[in-house]
C-alpha atoms as a PDB file:
ATOM      1  CA  MET A   1       0.000   0.000   0.000  1.00  0.00           C
ATOM      2  CA  ASN A   2       1.064   3.558  -0.626  1.00  0.00           C
ATOM      3  CA  LEU A   3      -0.869   6.754  -0.107  1.00  0.00           C
ATOM      4  CA  SER A   4      -0.404   9.036  -3.083  1.00  0.00           C
ATOM      5  CA  ARG A   5      -3.599  10.466  -4.578  1.00  0.00           C
ATOM      6  CA  ILE A   6      -5.401  13.049  -2.484  1.00  0.00           C
ATOM      7  CA  GLU A   7      -9.180  12.669  -2.709  1.00  0.00           C
ATOM      8  CA  GLN A   8     -10.265  15.438  -0.364  1.00  0.00           C
ATOM      9  CA  ILE A   9      -8.790  18.186   1.799  1.00  0.00           C
ATOM     10  CA  ALA A  10     -10.783  19.694   4.664  1.00  0.00           C
ATOM     11  CA  ILE A  11     -10.232  23.266   5.762  1.00  0.00           C
ATOM     12  CA  PRO A  12     -11.789  24.191   9.101  1.00  0.00           C
ATOM     13  CA  VAL A  13     -13.762  27.444   9.113  1.00  0.00           C
ATOM     14  CA  ARG A  14     -15.540  29.472  11.777  1.00  0.00           C
ATOM     15  CA  ASN A  15     -18.211  30.977   9.517  1.00  0.00           C
ATOM     16  CA  LEU A  16     -19.317  28.875   6.538  1.00  0.00           C
ATOM     17  CA  ALA A  17     -21.611  31.590   5.161  1.00  0.00           C
ATOM     18  CA  ARG A  18     -18.639  33.978   4.980  1.00  0.00           C
ATOM     19  CA  ALA A  19     -16.057  31.442   3.769  1.00  0.00           C
ATOM     20  CA  THR A  20     -18.120  29.878   0.951  1.00  0.00           C
ATOM     21  CA  PRO A  21     -18.425  33.068  -1.166  1.00  0.00           C
ATOM     22  CA  PHE A  22     -14.691  33.749  -0.692  1.00  0.00           C
ATOM     23  CA  TYR A  23     -13.721  30.371  -2.151  1.00  0.00           C
ATOM     24  CA  ARG A  24     -16.439  30.482  -4.842  1.00  0.00           C
ATOM     25  CA  ASP A  25     -16.416  34.142  -5.913  1.00  0.00           C
ATOM     26  CA  VAL A  26     -12.950  35.438  -5.036  1.00  0.00           C
ATOM     27  CA  LEU A  27     -10.838  32.332  -5.630  1.00  0.00           C
ATOM     28  CA  GLY A  28     -13.116  31.141  -8.466  1.00  0.00           C
ATOM     29  CA  MET A  29     -13.546  27.566  -7.276  1.00  0.00           C
ATOM     30  CA  LYS A  30     -16.431  25.445  -8.528  1.00  0.00           C
ATOM     31  CA  LEU A  31     -18.924  24.846  -5.723  1.00  0.00           C
ATOM     32  CA  LEU A  32     -20.034  21.209  -5.898  1.00  0.00           C
ATOM     33  CA  PHE A  33     -22.620  21.186  -3.115  1.00  0.00           C
ATOM     34  CA  GLU A  34     -23.373  22.435   0.382  1.00  0.00           C
ATOM     35  CA  VAL A  35     -24.569  20.685   3.527  1.00  0.00           C
ATOM     36  CA  PRO A  36     -25.597  23.693   5.638  1.00  0.00           C
ATOM     37  CA  PRO A  37     -24.728  24.729   8.212  1.00  0.00           C
ATOM     38  CA  GLN A  38     -21.624  22.505   8.492  1.00  0.00           C
ATOM     39  CA  LEU A  39     -20.068  21.850   5.052  1.00  0.00           C
ATOM     40  CA  ALA A  40     -19.394  23.211   1.567  1.00  0.00           C
ATOM     41  CA  PHE A  41     -17.570  21.164  -1.100  1.00  0.00           C
ATOM     42  CA  PHE A  42     -15.555  22.522  -4.042  1.00  0.00           C
ATOM     43  CA  ASP A  43     -13.811  20.905  -7.001  1.00  0.00           C
ATOM     44  CA  CYS A  44     -10.100  21.696  -7.286  1.00  0.00           C
ATOM     45  CA  ASP A  45      -9.198  19.984 -10.550  1.00  0.00           C
ATOM     46  CA  GLY A  46     -10.380  16.596  -9.344  1.00  0.00           C
ATOM     47  CA  VAL A  47      -9.500  17.000  -5.660  1.00  0.00           C
ATOM     48  CA  ARG A  48     -12.459  17.799  -3.440  1.00  0.00           C
ATOM     49  CA  LEU A  49     -11.985  20.688  -0.997  1.00  0.00           C
ATOM     50  CA  ALA A  50     -14.315  20.636   2.009  1.00  0.00           C
ATOM     51  CA  LEU A  51     -14.924  23.722   4.115  1.00  0.00           C
ATOM     52  CA  SER A  52     -16.187  22.517   7.469  1.00  0.00           C
ATOM     53  CA  ILE A  53     -17.297  23.934  10.776  1.00  0.00           C
ATOM     54  CA  ALA A  54     -15.145  22.162  13.354  1.00  0.00           C
ATOM     55  CA  SER A  55     -17.131  19.751  15.491  1.00  0.00           C
ATOM     56  CA  ASP A  56     -14.182  19.450  17.881  1.00  0.00           C
ATOM     57  CA  PRO A  57     -12.041  22.381  19.148  1.00  0.00           C
ATOM     58  CA  THR A  58      -8.944  20.408  18.144  1.00  0.00           C
ATOM     59  CA  TYR A  59      -9.802  21.091  14.505  1.00  0.00           C
ATOM     60  CA  GLU A  60     -10.660  24.798  14.703  1.00  0.00           C
ATOM     61  CA  PRO A  61      -8.879  27.232  12.323  1.00  0.00           C
ATOM     62  CA  PRO A  62      -6.257  27.855  11.282  1.00  0.00           C
ATOM     63  CA  GLY A  63      -5.648  24.618   9.443  1.00  0.00           C
ATOM     64  CA  SER A  64      -2.954  23.330   7.135  1.00  0.00           C
ATOM     65  CA  ILE A  65      -1.607  25.426   4.273  1.00  0.00           C
ATOM     66  CA  VAL A  66      -3.094  24.519   0.899  1.00  0.00           C
ATOM     67  CA  TYR A  67      -0.951  25.412  -2.130  1.00  0.00           C
ATOM     68  CA  TYR A  68      -2.716  26.084  -5.435  1.00  0.00           C
ATOM     69  CA  ARG A  69      -0.681  25.745  -8.628  1.00  0.00           C
ATOM     70  CA  VAL A  70      -1.074  28.625 -11.092  1.00  0.00           C
ATOM     71  CA  ALA A  71       0.428  29.067 -14.554  1.00  0.00           C
ATOM     72  CA  ASP A  72       1.570  32.671 -13.992  1.00  0.00           C
ATOM     73  CA  ILE A  73       2.080  33.675 -10.373  1.00  0.00           C
ATOM     74  CA  ASP A  74       2.439  37.389 -11.123  1.00  0.00           C
ATOM     75  CA  SER A  75      -0.852  37.667 -12.987  1.00  0.00           C
ATOM     76  CA  ALA A  76      -2.654  35.423 -10.442  1.00  0.00           C
ATOM     77  CA  HIS A  77      -1.300  37.612  -7.628  1.00  0.00           C
ATOM     78  CA  ALA A  78      -2.468  40.787  -9.399  1.00  0.00           C
ATOM     79  CA  GLU A  79      -5.936  39.333 -10.075  1.00  0.00           C
ATOM     80  CA  LEU A  80      -6.418  38.170  -6.481  1.00  0.00           C
ATOM     81  CA  GLU A  81      -5.313  41.577  -5.176  1.00  0.00           C
ATOM     82  CA  ARG A  82      -7.823  43.208  -7.554  1.00  0.00           C
ATOM     83  CA  LEU A  83     -10.493  40.998  -5.969  1.00  0.00           C
ATOM     84  CA  GLY A  84      -9.538  42.245  -2.488  1.00  0.00           C
ATOM     85  CA  VAL A  85      -7.164  39.520  -1.310  1.00  0.00           C
ATOM     86  CA  GLU A  86      -4.447  40.890   0.979  1.00  0.00           C
ATOM     87  CA  PHE A  87      -1.223  38.955   0.711  1.00  0.00           C
ATOM     88  CA  LEU A  88       0.918  38.093   3.723  1.00  0.00           C
ATOM     89  CA  ARG A  89       3.848  37.810   1.332  1.00  0.00           C
ATOM     90  CA  GLY A  90       3.772  38.428  -2.401  1.00  0.00           C
ATOM     91  CA  PRO A  91       5.414  36.294  -5.091  1.00  0.00           C
ATOM     92  CA  HIS A  92       8.921  35.301  -4.079  1.00  0.00           C
ATOM     93  CA  LEU A  93      11.519  32.708  -4.998  1.00  0.00           C
ATOM     94  CA  VAL A  94      11.503  29.734  -2.639  1.00  0.00           C
ATOM     95  CA  ALA A  95      13.944  27.329  -4.306  1.00  0.00           C
ATOM     96  CA  ARG A  96      16.149  26.962  -7.368  1.00  0.00           C
ATOM     97  CA  LEU A  97      16.151  23.406  -8.653  1.00  0.00           C
ATOM     98  CA  ASP A  98      18.053  22.119 -11.664  1.00  0.00           C
ATOM     99  CA  ALA A  99      15.561  23.116 -14.349  1.00  0.00           C
ATOM    100  CA  VAL A 100      13.018  25.247 -12.451  1.00  0.00           C
ATOM    101  CA  GLU A 101      12.566  27.945  -9.858  1.00  0.00           C
ATOM    102  CA  VAL A 102       9.766  27.444  -7.341  1.00  0.00           C
ATOM    103  CA  TRP A 103       7.822  30.639  -6.557  1.00  0.00           C
ATOM    104  CA  MET A 104       5.102  31.155  -3.933  1.00  0.00           C
ATOM    105  CA  ALA A 105       2.845  33.870  -2.504  1.00  0.00           C
ATOM    106  CA  PHE A 106       0.865  33.564   0.741  1.00  0.00           C
ATOM    107  CA  PHE A 107      -2.515  34.962   1.806  1.00  0.00           C
ATOM    108  CA  GLU A 108      -5.333  34.183   4.242  1.00  0.00           C
ATOM    109  CA  ASP A 109      -8.942  33.242   3.670  1.00  0.00           C
ATOM    110  CA  THR A 110     -11.775  34.903   5.571  1.00  0.00           C
ATOM    111  CA  GLU A 111     -11.268  32.476   8.474  1.00  0.00           C
ATOM    112  CA  GLY A 112      -7.540  33.038   9.095  1.00  0.00           C
ATOM    113  CA  ASN A 113      -6.337  29.923   7.245  1.00  0.00           C
ATOM    114  CA  THR A 114      -3.132  30.474   5.286  1.00  0.00           C
ATOM    115  CA  LEU A 115      -3.318  29.648   1.577  1.00  0.00           C
ATOM    116  CA  ALA A 116      -0.701  29.949  -1.142  1.00  0.00           C
ATOM    117  CA  ILE A 117      -0.342  30.151  -4.885  1.00  0.00           C
ATOM    118  CA  THR A 118       2.707  28.516  -6.413  1.00  0.00           C
ATOM    119  CA  THR A 119       4.334  28.052  -9.788  1.00  0.00           C
ATOM    120  CA  GLU A 120       7.481  26.632 -11.298  1.00  0.00           C
ATOM    121  CA  LYS A 121       9.380  28.856 -13.710  1.00  0.00           C
ATOM    122  CA  ALA A 122      11.784  27.309 -16.206  1.00  0.00           C
ATOM    123  CA  VAL A 123      15.427  28.211 -15.651  1.00  0.00           C
ATOM    124  CA  ALA A 124      17.291  29.306 -18.770  1.00  0.00           C
ATOM    125  CA  HIS A 125      20.655  27.535 -18.946  1.00  0.00           C
ATOM    126  CA  ALA A 126      23.610  29.340 -20.442  1.00  0.00           C
END
């Protein structure tokens, strides 16, 4: 056995009615269905993202960091800022690998969970 494919990620939220429009309207995620007042499910390119009201204080926000891959981090950053997202840290180089540079930018959702956008930029070899 090996665990490799992620089926679903749950992000704990305090206020589902506030968080759902942020993920749907600001981040542009496809809302699959809601189970009010506890859950809202989104499709993230085949991985299901569940926003959930914590039923146990152990799982209250903030949760894990979810990294969303984007094709162009600079334009994604600009578009999210235009939509009112305030970044904790804008696009910056995280690592230089052999053929790519890994870039990331961090922001928070309406519930205080840290999210990130990330991309890999090809490195031109001399």
